[in-house]
C-alpha atoms as a PDB file:
ATOM      1  CA  MET A   1     -13.367 -38.252 -29.017  1.00  0.00           C
ATOM      2  CA  ARG A   2     -10.561 -38.231 -26.489  1.00  0.00           C
ATOM      3  CA  SER A   3      -8.727 -35.287 -25.645  1.00  0.00           C
ATOM      4  CA  LYS A   4      -4.933 -35.706 -26.361  1.00  0.00           C
ATOM      5  CA  THR A   5      -4.139 -34.000 -22.878  1.00  0.00           C
ATOM      6  CA  GLY A   6      -1.973 -36.220 -20.836  1.00  0.00           C
ATOM      7  CA  ALA A   7      -2.975 -37.214 -17.353  1.00  0.00           C
ATOM      8  CA  GLY A   8      -0.205 -34.819 -16.144  1.00  0.00           C
ATOM      9  CA  LYS A   9      -2.003 -31.546 -17.214  1.00  0.00           C
ATOM     10  CA  ARG A  10      -5.193 -32.827 -15.890  1.00  0.00           C
ATOM     11  CA  SER A  11      -3.992 -33.521 -12.534  1.00  0.00           C
ATOM     12  CA  ARG A  12      -2.201 -30.043 -12.269  1.00  0.00           C
ATOM     13  CA  ALA A  13      -5.387 -28.663 -13.181  1.00  0.00           C
ATOM     14  CA  ILE A  14      -7.154 -30.085 -10.586  1.00  0.00           C
ATOM     15  CA  THR A  15      -4.585 -29.262  -8.123  1.00  0.00           C
ATOM     16  CA  ARG A  16      -4.685 -25.769  -9.323  1.00  0.00           C
ATOM     17  CA  ARG A  17      -8.556 -25.511  -8.980  1.00  0.00           C
ATOM     18  CA  THR A  18      -8.472 -26.817  -5.462  1.00  0.00           C
ATOM     19  CA  ARG A  19      -5.436 -24.511  -4.395  1.00  0.00           C
ATOM     20  CA  LYS A  20      -7.392 -21.586  -5.633  1.00  0.00           C
ATOM     21  CA  SER A  21     -10.700 -22.730  -3.968  1.00  0.00           C
ATOM     22  CA  SER A  22      -8.605 -23.176  -0.750  1.00  0.00           C
ATOM     23  CA  LEU A  23      -7.357 -19.536  -0.849  1.00  0.00           C
ATOM     24  CA  LYS A  24     -10.822 -18.210  -1.495  1.00  0.00           C
ATOM     25  CA  ALA A  25     -12.251 -19.962   1.262  1.00  0.00           C
ATOM     26  CA  ALA A  26      -9.078 -18.900   3.757  1.00  0.00           C
ATOM     27  CA  ILE A  27     -10.383 -15.245   3.413  1.00  0.00           C
ATOM     28  CA  PRO A  28     -12.649 -14.471   6.404  1.00  0.00           C
ATOM     29  CA  ALA A  29     -16.185 -12.825   5.890  1.00  0.00           C
ATOM     30  CA  PRO A  30     -15.797  -9.185   6.400  1.00  0.00           C
ATOM     31  CA  LYS A  31     -16.837  -7.509   9.188  1.00  0.00           C
ATOM     32  CA  MET A  32     -19.774  -5.091   8.428  1.00  0.00           C
ATOM     33  CA  ALA A  33     -21.147  -1.836  10.179  1.00  0.00           C
ATOM     34  CA  VAL A  34     -24.356  -0.251   9.135  1.00  0.00           C
ATOM     35  CA  THR A  35     -25.377   3.176  10.453  1.00  0.00           C
ATOM     36  CA  PHE A  36     -28.786   5.031  10.163  1.00  0.00           C
ATOM     37  CA  ARG A  37     -28.806   8.695  10.710  1.00  0.00           C
ATOM     38  CA  HIS A  38     -32.038  10.363  11.011  1.00  0.00           C
ATOM     39  CA  VAL A  39     -34.023   7.007  10.453  1.00  0.00           C
ATOM     40  CA  GLU A  40     -34.982   4.337  12.492  1.00  0.00           C
ATOM     41  CA  PRO A  41     -32.749   0.944  12.197  1.00  0.00           C
ATOM     42  CA  ASN A  42     -34.135  -1.228   9.584  1.00  0.00           C
ATOM     43  CA  ASP A  43     -33.009  -5.061   9.986  1.00  0.00           C
ATOM     44  CA  ALA A  44     -34.299  -5.490   6.315  1.00  0.00           C
ATOM     45  CA  VAL A  45     -32.120  -2.692   5.141  1.00  0.00           C
ATOM     46  CA  ARG A  46     -29.280  -3.889   7.078  1.00  0.00           C
ATOM     47  CA  SER A  47     -29.336  -7.390   5.807  1.00  0.00           C
ATOM     48  CA  TYR A  48     -29.872  -6.225   2.101  1.00  0.00           C
ATOM     49  CA  ALA A  49     -26.837  -3.968   2.573  1.00  0.00           C
ATOM     50  CA  THR A  50     -24.782  -6.824   4.276  1.00  0.00           C
ATOM     51  CA  ARG A  51     -25.907  -9.199   1.469  1.00  0.00           C
ATOM     52  CA  LYS A  52     -24.805  -6.899  -1.267  1.00  0.00           C
ATOM     53  CA  LEU A  53     -21.626  -5.543   0.031  1.00  0.00           C
ATOM     54  CA  SER A  54     -20.221  -8.649   1.385  1.00  0.00           C
ATOM     55  CA  HIS A  55     -19.166  -9.786  -2.215  1.00  0.00           C
ATOM     56  CA  VAL A  56     -16.579  -7.053  -2.554  1.00  0.00           C
ATOM     57  CA  ALA A  57     -14.434  -9.130  -0.444  1.00  0.00           C
ATOM     58  CA  ARG A  58     -13.490 -11.353  -3.130  1.00  0.00           C
ATOM     59  CA  PHE A  59     -11.485  -8.605  -4.689  1.00  0.00           C
ATOM     60  CA  LEU A  60      -9.237  -8.423  -1.644  1.00  0.00           C
ATOM     61  CA  LYS A  61      -6.842 -10.723  -0.225  1.00  0.00           C
ATOM     62  CA  ARG A  62      -6.885  -9.364   3.280  1.00  0.00           C
ATOM     63  CA  PRO A  63      -9.718  -9.539   5.966  1.00  0.00           C
ATOM     64  CA  CYS A  64     -11.822  -6.382   5.500  1.00  0.00           C
ATOM     65  CA  LEU A  65     -13.981  -3.755   7.578  1.00  0.00           C
ATOM     66  CA  ILE A  66     -17.194  -2.409   5.545  1.00  0.00           C
ATOM     67  CA  HIS A  67     -18.989   0.600   6.999  1.00  0.00           C
ATOM     68  CA  VAL A  68     -22.233   2.014   5.342  1.00  0.00           C
ATOM     69  CA  ILE A  69     -23.695   4.902   6.545  1.00  0.00           C
ATOM     70  CA  LEU A  70     -27.140   5.574   5.647  1.00  0.00           C
ATOM     71  CA  THR A  71     -29.088   9.075   5.775  1.00  0.00           C
ATOM     72  CA  ALA A  72     -32.579   9.974   5.228  1.00  0.00           C
ATOM     73  CA  ASP A  73     -33.409  13.787   4.496  1.00  0.00           C
ATOM     74  CA  LYS A  74     -36.938  14.179   3.362  1.00  0.00           C
ATOM     75  CA  TYR A  75     -37.293  12.681   0.077  1.00  0.00           C
ATOM     76  CA  ARG A  76     -33.663  12.085  -0.282  1.00  0.00           C
ATOM     77  CA  HIS A  77     -31.839   8.890   0.677  1.00  0.00           C
ATOM     78  CA  ARG A  78     -28.159   9.084   0.856  1.00  0.00           C
ATOM     79  CA  GLY A  79     -25.635   6.493   1.340  1.00  0.00           C
ATOM     80  CA  GLU A  80     -21.777   6.281   2.132  1.00  0.00           C
ATOM     81  CA  ALA A  81     -19.751   3.146   1.748  1.00  0.00           C
ATOM     82  CA  ILE A  82     -16.013   2.843   3.310  1.00  0.00           C
ATOM     83  CA  VAL A  83     -13.934  -0.551   2.940  1.00  0.00           C
ATOM     84  CA  LYS A  84     -10.830  -0.609   4.833  1.00  0.00           C
ATOM     85  CA  SER A  85      -8.456  -3.651   4.115  1.00  0.00           C
ATOM     86  CA  GLY A  86      -4.823  -3.588   5.212  1.00  0.00           C
ATOM     87  CA  HIS A  87      -3.353  -0.174   3.827  1.00  0.00           C
ATOM     88  CA  LEU A  88      -6.189   0.143   1.202  1.00  0.00           C
ATOM     89  CA  THR A  89      -9.248   2.311   1.742  1.00  0.00           C
ATOM     90  CA  VAL A  90     -12.053   2.649  -0.935  1.00  0.00           C
ATOM     91  CA  ALA A  91     -14.985   5.143  -0.480  1.00  0.00           C
ATOM     92  CA  ALA A  92     -18.300   5.735  -2.111  1.00  0.00           C
ATOM     93  CA  GLN A  93     -20.839   8.149  -1.823  1.00  0.00           C
ATOM     94  CA  ASP A  94     -24.481   8.106  -3.498  1.00  0.00           C
ATOM     95  CA  GLU A  95     -27.948   9.711  -3.272  1.00  0.00           C
ATOM     96  CA  THR A  96     -31.173   8.481  -4.811  1.00  0.00           C
ATOM     97  CA  LYS A  97     -35.106   8.051  -3.722  1.00  0.00           C
ATOM     98  CA  ASP A  98     -34.829   4.845  -1.682  1.00  0.00           C
ATOM     99  CA  PHE A  99     -32.301   2.816   0.232  1.00  0.00           C
ATOM    100  CA  PRO A 100     -32.254  -0.263  -1.797  1.00  0.00           C
ATOM    101  CA  SER A 101     -31.129   1.630  -4.950  1.00  0.00           C
ATOM    102  CA  VAL A 102     -28.662   3.620  -2.917  1.00  0.00           C
ATOM    103  CA  ILE A 103     -27.061   0.185  -1.726  1.00  0.00           C
ATOM    104  CA  ASP A 104     -26.690  -1.165  -5.283  1.00  0.00           C
ATOM    105  CA  LEU A 105     -25.097   1.998  -6.398  1.00  0.00           C
ATOM    106  CA  LEU A 106     -22.943   1.933  -3.768  1.00  0.00           C
ATOM    107  CA  ALA A 107     -21.987  -1.777  -4.227  1.00  0.00           C
ATOM    108  CA  ASP A 108     -21.207  -0.819  -8.111  1.00  0.00           C
ATOM    109  CA  LYS A 109     -19.032   1.967  -7.315  1.00  0.00           C
ATOM    110  CA  ILE A 110     -16.800  -0.085  -4.586  1.00  0.00           C
ATOM    111  CA  GLU A 111     -16.760  -3.098  -7.036  1.00  0.00           C
ATOM    112  CA  ASN A 112     -15.382  -0.907  -9.748  1.00  0.00           C
ATOM    113  CA  GLN A 113     -12.922   0.863  -7.474  1.00  0.00           C
ATOM    114  CA  LEU A 114     -11.549  -2.568  -6.376  1.00  0.00           C
ATOM    115  CA  GLN A 115     -11.114  -4.063  -9.816  1.00  0.00           C
ATOM    116  CA  SER A 116      -9.265  -0.734 -10.894  1.00  0.00           C
ATOM    117  CA  HIS A 117      -7.062  -1.471  -8.298  1.00  0.00           C
ATOM    118  CA  ARG A 118      -6.387  -4.885  -8.593  1.00  0.00           C
ATOM    119  CA  GLY A 119      -5.455  -4.201 -12.356  1.00  0.00           C
ATOM    120  CA  LYS A 120      -3.030  -1.416 -11.392  1.00  0.00           C
ATOM    121  CA  ILE A 121      -1.456  -4.057  -8.944  1.00  0.00           C
ATOM    122  CA  SER A 122      -1.263  -6.736 -11.229  1.00  0.00           C
ATOM    123  CA  ALA A 123       0.316  -4.303 -14.158  1.00  0.00           C
ATOM    124  CA  ARG A 124       2.959  -2.953 -11.866  1.00  0.00           C
ATOM    125  CA  LYS A 125       6.158  -3.338 -13.351  1.00  0.00           C
ATOM    126  CA  LEU A 126       9.076  -5.302 -11.795  1.00  0.00           C
ATOM    127  CA  ARG A 127      11.896  -3.043 -10.500  1.00  0.00           C
ATOM    128  CA  GLY A 128      14.764  -2.477 -13.179  1.00  0.00           C
ATOM    129  CA  THR A 129      18.178  -3.159 -12.284  1.00  0.00           C
ATOM    130  CA  SER A 130      20.400  -0.586 -10.759  1.00  0.00           C
ATOM    131  CA  THR A 131      23.684   1.041 -12.600  1.00  0.00           C
ATOM    132  CA  GLY A 132      25.785  -1.046 -10.008  1.00  0.00           C
ATOM    133  CA  GLU A 133      24.097  -4.543 -10.607  1.00  0.00           C
ATOM    134  CA  LEU A 134      24.405  -3.908 -14.268  1.00  0.00           C
ATOM    135  CA  MET A 135      28.311  -3.168 -14.031  1.00  0.00           C
ATOM    136  CA  ARG A 136      28.752  -5.941 -11.671  1.00  0.00           C
ATOM    137  CA  ASN A 137      27.006  -8.615 -14.095  1.00  0.00           C
ATOM    138  CA  GLU A 138      28.740  -7.092 -17.385  1.00  0.00           C
ATOM    139  CA  GLN A 139      32.719  -7.490 -17.900  1.00  0.00           C
ATOM    140  CA  ILE A 140      33.624  -4.063 -18.693  1.00  0.00           C
ATOM    141  CA  THR A 141      37.096  -3.751 -20.392  1.00  0.00           C
ATOM    142  CA  PRO A 142      38.690  -0.325 -20.584  1.00  0.00           C
ATOM    143  CA  GLU A 143      39.006   0.972 -23.984  1.00  0.00           C
ATOM    144  CA  PRO A 144      42.148   2.055 -25.362  1.00  0.00           C
ATOM    145  CA  ASP A 145      43.102   5.402 -24.975  1.00  0.00           C
ATOM    146  CA  SER A 146      42.596   7.385 -28.329  1.00  0.00           C
ATOM    147  CA  THR A 147      44.383  10.507 -26.850  1.00  0.00           C
ATOM    148  CA  HIS A 148      47.810   8.732 -26.501  1.00  0.00           C
ATOM    149  CA  THR A 149      49.355   8.239 -30.263  1.00  0.00           C
ATOM    150  CA  GLU A 150      52.461   6.234 -30.502  1.00  0.00           C
ATOM    151  CA  ILE A 151      55.403   7.545 -33.217  1.00  0.00           C
END
């Protein structure tokens, strides 16, 4: 069975999809910086952090810088992630028993914060009209003076 949509709707949908994909491709990959404290730098952990946290760039419209700080104290592994993009700065901290789980938790926290921020931005209301604009747009006629009576 054929759909009843016209060729115009299909072509608009195709152009919309291509435009959306080109906008996603226009955003550069995030710059990553991974810092190790009290532990030897490990390329496997560094690549894992890069792979997990580079996905947060899809929530942003500007290029971003992601700084991950990983610290080891005896059995505690702490992580801190800071994402900076334009005027927006998002940070998260967590602590578990190994680095991969710390990185997973940091990625989830950052992603939730960015989704929340995106929701607030999209729900922001437009500015209402000022009093001067309202008076200019409306035709205000003076009301008759009720204190003046004719005899």
